[in-house]
Every structure is written in C-alpha cells, then in structure tokens.
Amino acid sequence: MAALTRTFTQSQGPQYVLSDKRDGYEVRSYKESKWIATTVMGTSWKAAIDAGVGNLLDYFARSGKNQTGTSSAIIPVVTKIVPGEGPVCHSTFEVMLADPPALSSDSDASVKVVVMPPMTAYVAQYSGPVSDQIMIDEAERLTDALSRDGVSVSDAHYYTTTYGTVSQEGGIAMDVWFVAK
C-alpha cells in the first residue's frame, strides 16, 4: 500500500468522551464528526480496508489534496461495517479517513463526505497484526463482555478503527465498537 502522505492530528480522529471503563471495554460518547469515505463490498475486513484506503489515497493524489505534509503519521481509519445476511454473504464496508475542512469529494463519485452522527459505543481496544480472524476474535470477546454485563447493542452495523497503516508489520493499535441501542 502506498505510504500515507497527509499529516493528520489526533484532533482529526474520532472524538469522544470516556463515560465508563469496564472489564474488557470502555463506554464512549462520540461527537458528530466529518469524514471522507468510500464504500467497498466484500467478505474480508482487511481486504476492504486495503481497497478503501487505497481508493481514498488515490483520490487525494488525483485531487492534489495531499500536499499539506509528508508525514507517514499514524492516522485513524474508521470502518463502518454493515454485515451481510448469512455466514458467507458480502458485507458493506464504509472506509473513512478524517475529512480536513478544505477537502471536498465532488469530483469523484466513488468518494463522498459523510457525517458520523453522535453515538454512544462500547469499545474494545487491542493491538497486533491486522487480520480478519483477529478482528473477529476481538469482536467476539467484546460481545461476551457485553453479554456478561447485560448490555444490548445495535445489530445493524458496527465500527472498527485502525491506527497506522494496515500493512504495517508487527501490528497496530485497533478498536472495535458496538453502538448502544
């Protein structure tokens, strides 16, 4: 994957207030935020992130929007996952990067500006190599912790966040979020 050539600050990541810290997860209240996004259909979370980030970086390069820095900074990639019906069906992955104020998606139909609404989410943090199986395992751990605590969540969609490039060797920091009902 191409190196990231934009400088992103922590303030451009998903902003939240920590409401509670429990065994195995945190309760966070996320603020409304603006992102630039592309949609990928598929069965693999990692492949969807690779394709989505690649598409967004190509957009930045074509539009000349990547000239604000040369850092390969750790940037958050937020992915909204709408599961397909059935065990092997295609899911919808909306891969999002922070949308700096000057960024516009009006020149590319595959890229859009999205507003993530405010929400309360239950978030598990983990780190390590990026793989579909590890993300599934961590989501199952979060599901077990929430079930233990009697917490119900929306099953319409969930989110993941990766901090770093998905192809980074040695692993990166990641979150999985389930949205409160």
Protein backbone atom coordinates (compact mmCIF):
# COMPACT_ATOMS: atom_id res chain seq x y z
CA MET A 1 0.00 0.00 0.00
CA ALA A 2 1.24 3.50 -0.75
CA ALA A 3 2.68 5.47 2.14
CA LEU A 4 0.31 7.98 3.67
CA THR A 5 1.37 11.47 2.65
CA ARG A 6 -1.01 13.63 4.70
CA THR A 7 -0.39 14.87 8.18
CA PHE A 8 -3.31 14.11 10.43
CA THR A 9 -3.56 15.27 14.00
CA GLN A 10 -5.17 13.40 16.86
CA SER A 11 -7.94 16.01 16.85
CA GLN A 12 -8.97 14.71 13.42
CA GLY A 13 -9.64 11.25 14.80
CA PRO A 14 -12.95 10.15 16.25
CA GLN A 15 -13.51 12.49 19.21
CA TYR A 16 -15.18 11.06 22.28
CA VAL A 17 -15.74 11.43 25.98
CA LEU A 18 -14.94 8.39 28.10
CA SER A 19 -18.11 7.67 30.10
CA ASP A 20 -17.05 4.47 31.87
CA LYS A 21 -14.32 1.86 31.87
CA ARG A 22 -15.42 -1.71 32.46
CA ASP A 23 -13.76 -5.11 32.41
CA GLY A 24 -12.94 -5.70 28.73
CA TYR A 25 -14.28 -2.46 27.23
CA GLU A 26 -14.92 1.26 27.53
CA VAL A 27 -18.17 3.18 27.17
CA ARG A 28 -17.57 6.19 24.93
CA SER A 29 -19.77 9.05 23.77
CA TYR A 30 -18.62 10.05 20.29
CA LYS A 31 -19.18 13.52 18.93
CA GLU A 32 -20.53 14.16 15.45
CA SER A 33 -17.64 14.14 13.00
CA LYS A 34 -16.99 14.61 9.30
CA TRP A 35 -15.10 12.03 7.23
CA ILE A 36 -14.22 11.31 3.63
CA ALA A 37 -15.38 7.81 2.74
CA THR A 38 -15.57 5.15 0.08
CA THR A 39 -17.68 2.00 0.09
CA VAL A 40 -16.33 -1.48 -0.53
CA MET A 41 -18.40 -4.67 -0.78
CA GLY A 42 -16.78 -7.93 0.24
CA THR A 43 -16.29 -10.72 2.72
CA SER A 44 -12.89 -9.67 4.11
CA TRP A 45 -12.50 -6.76 6.56
CA LYS A 46 -8.74 -6.43 5.90
CA ALA A 47 -9.16 -6.55 2.11
CA ALA A 48 -11.92 -3.92 2.35
CA ILE A 49 -9.70 -1.58 4.38
CA ASP A 50 -6.78 -2.09 1.98
CA ALA A 51 -9.02 -1.35 -1.03
CA GLY A 52 -10.83 1.56 0.64
CA VAL A 53 -7.69 3.30 1.90
CA GLY A 54 -6.08 2.76 -1.50
CA ASN A 55 -9.06 4.38 -3.20
CA LEU A 56 -9.00 7.34 -0.80
CA LEU A 57 -5.24 7.85 -1.21
CA ASP A 58 -5.67 7.72 -5.00
CA TYR A 59 -8.37 10.39 -4.65
CA PHE A 60 -6.03 12.58 -2.57
CA ALA A 61 -3.29 12.18 -5.19
CA ARG A 62 -5.59 12.92 -8.16
CA SER A 63 -7.19 15.93 -6.49
CA GLY A 64 -3.93 17.46 -5.25
CA LYS A 65 -5.28 17.39 -1.69
CA ASN A 66 -2.22 15.62 -0.24
CA GLN A 67 0.24 18.48 -0.25
CA THR A 68 -0.06 19.58 3.39
CA GLY A 69 2.67 17.33 4.73
CA THR A 70 4.98 14.42 4.11
CA SER A 71 4.49 12.51 7.34
CA SER A 72 3.61 8.86 7.48
CA ALA A 73 1.76 9.72 10.67
CA ILE A 74 -0.45 7.27 12.50
CA ILE A 75 -3.89 8.17 11.24
CA PRO A 76 -7.18 6.63 12.19
CA VAL A 77 -9.04 4.62 9.59
CA VAL A 78 -12.62 4.15 10.75
CA THR A 79 -14.64 1.43 9.05
CA LYS A 80 -18.41 1.13 9.39
CA ILE A 81 -19.42 -2.48 8.77
CA VAL A 82 -22.94 -3.43 7.75
CA PRO A 83 -22.97 -7.24 7.90
CA GLY A 84 -24.45 -9.17 5.02
CA GLU A 85 -27.16 -11.71 5.74
CA GLY A 86 -25.81 -15.21 6.18
CA PRO A 87 -22.38 -16.53 7.07
CA VAL A 88 -20.64 -16.00 3.70
CA CYS A 89 -22.52 -13.02 2.27
CA HIS A 90 -20.90 -9.79 1.22
CA SER A 91 -20.84 -7.07 3.85
CA THR A 92 -20.74 -3.35 3.17
CA PHE A 93 -17.59 -1.64 4.43
CA GLU A 94 -17.58 2.16 4.53
CA VAL A 95 -13.90 3.05 4.90
CA MET A 96 -13.35 6.55 6.28
CA LEU A 97 -10.47 8.95 6.81
CA ALA A 98 -10.63 12.25 8.65
CA ASP A 99 -12.02 14.99 6.43
CA PRO A 100 -9.94 18.16 6.78
CA PRO A 101 -12.04 21.33 6.28
CA ALA A 102 -10.75 22.07 2.76
CA LEU A 103 -11.47 18.56 1.44
CA SER A 104 -14.32 18.03 -1.00
CA SER A 105 -15.47 14.86 -2.72
CA ASP A 106 -17.48 16.50 -5.51
CA SER A 107 -15.11 15.36 -8.26
CA ASP A 108 -15.18 11.61 -7.65
CA ALA A 109 -18.38 9.58 -7.43
CA SER A 110 -16.64 6.76 -5.50
CA VAL A 111 -15.64 9.14 -2.71
CA LYS A 112 -18.09 11.03 -0.54
CA VAL A 113 -18.14 13.19 2.53
CA VAL A 114 -20.07 11.57 5.38
CA VAL A 115 -21.15 12.85 8.76
CA MET A 116 -20.88 10.30 11.53
CA PRO A 117 -23.70 11.06 13.98
CA PRO A 118 -23.11 11.39 17.70
CA MET A 119 -23.36 8.00 19.40
CA THR A 120 -22.61 6.00 22.50
CA ALA A 121 -20.45 2.98 21.79
CA TYR A 122 -18.91 0.09 23.68
CA VAL A 123 -15.29 -0.12 22.58
CA ALA A 124 -12.65 -2.82 22.98
CA GLN A 125 -9.04 -1.92 22.28
CA TYR A 126 -6.40 -4.34 21.09
CA SER A 127 -3.17 -4.41 19.13
CA GLY A 128 -1.35 -6.82 16.96
CA PRO A 129 -1.20 -7.94 13.37
CA VAL A 130 -4.16 -6.99 11.20
CA SER A 131 -6.23 -9.98 10.15
CA ASP A 132 -9.87 -10.86 9.70
CA GLN A 133 -9.63 -13.62 12.31
CA ILE A 134 -8.09 -11.40 14.99
CA MET A 135 -10.77 -8.74 14.44
CA ILE A 136 -13.49 -11.42 14.65
CA ASP A 137 -11.94 -12.83 17.84
CA GLU A 138 -11.84 -9.37 19.44
CA ALA A 139 -15.43 -8.64 18.40
CA GLU A 140 -16.47 -11.95 19.99
CA ARG A 141 -14.62 -11.02 23.20
CA LEU A 142 -16.47 -7.70 23.27
CA THR A 143 -19.77 -9.49 22.62
CA ASP A 144 -19.07 -11.85 25.55
CA ALA A 145 -18.19 -8.96 27.90
CA LEU A 146 -21.33 -7.03 26.93
CA SER A 147 -23.48 -10.15 27.34
CA ARG A 148 -21.96 -10.77 30.77
CA ASP A 149 -22.92 -7.20 31.75
CA GLY A 150 -26.44 -7.43 30.27
CA VAL A 151 -25.75 -4.74 27.66
CA SER A 152 -27.64 -4.82 24.36
CA VAL A 153 -26.30 -3.17 21.22
CA SER A 154 -27.49 -2.39 17.71
CA ASP A 155 -27.00 -5.23 15.26
CA ALA A 156 -27.46 -3.01 12.18
CA HIS A 157 -23.77 -2.08 11.98
CA TYR A 158 -20.56 -1.74 13.97
CA TYR A 159 -17.23 0.04 13.59
CA THR A 160 -13.54 -0.68 13.71
CA THR A 161 -10.69 1.78 13.94
CA THR A 162 -7.10 1.10 12.95
CA TYR A 163 -4.31 3.46 13.95
CA GLY A 164 -1.45 3.11 11.48
CA THR A 165 -1.15 1.58 8.05
CA VAL A 166 -3.00 -1.71 7.76
CA SER A 167 0.02 -3.35 6.12
CA GLN A 168 2.36 -2.24 8.93
CA GLU A 169 4.44 -5.17 10.10
CA GLY A 170 4.42 -6.03 13.78
CA GLY A 171 0.87 -4.92 14.29
CA ILE A 172 -1.01 -1.75 15.06
CA ALA A 173 -3.50 -0.42 17.60
CA MET A 174 -7.14 -1.17 16.81
CA ASP A 175 -10.61 -0.71 18.28
CA VAL A 176 -13.89 -2.46 17.68
CA TRP A 177 -17.06 -0.50 18.57
CA PHE A 178 -20.60 -1.69 19.04
CA VAL A 179 -23.23 1.07 19.02
CA ALA A 180 -25.57 1.32 22.00
CA LYS A 181 -29.29 0.80 21.36
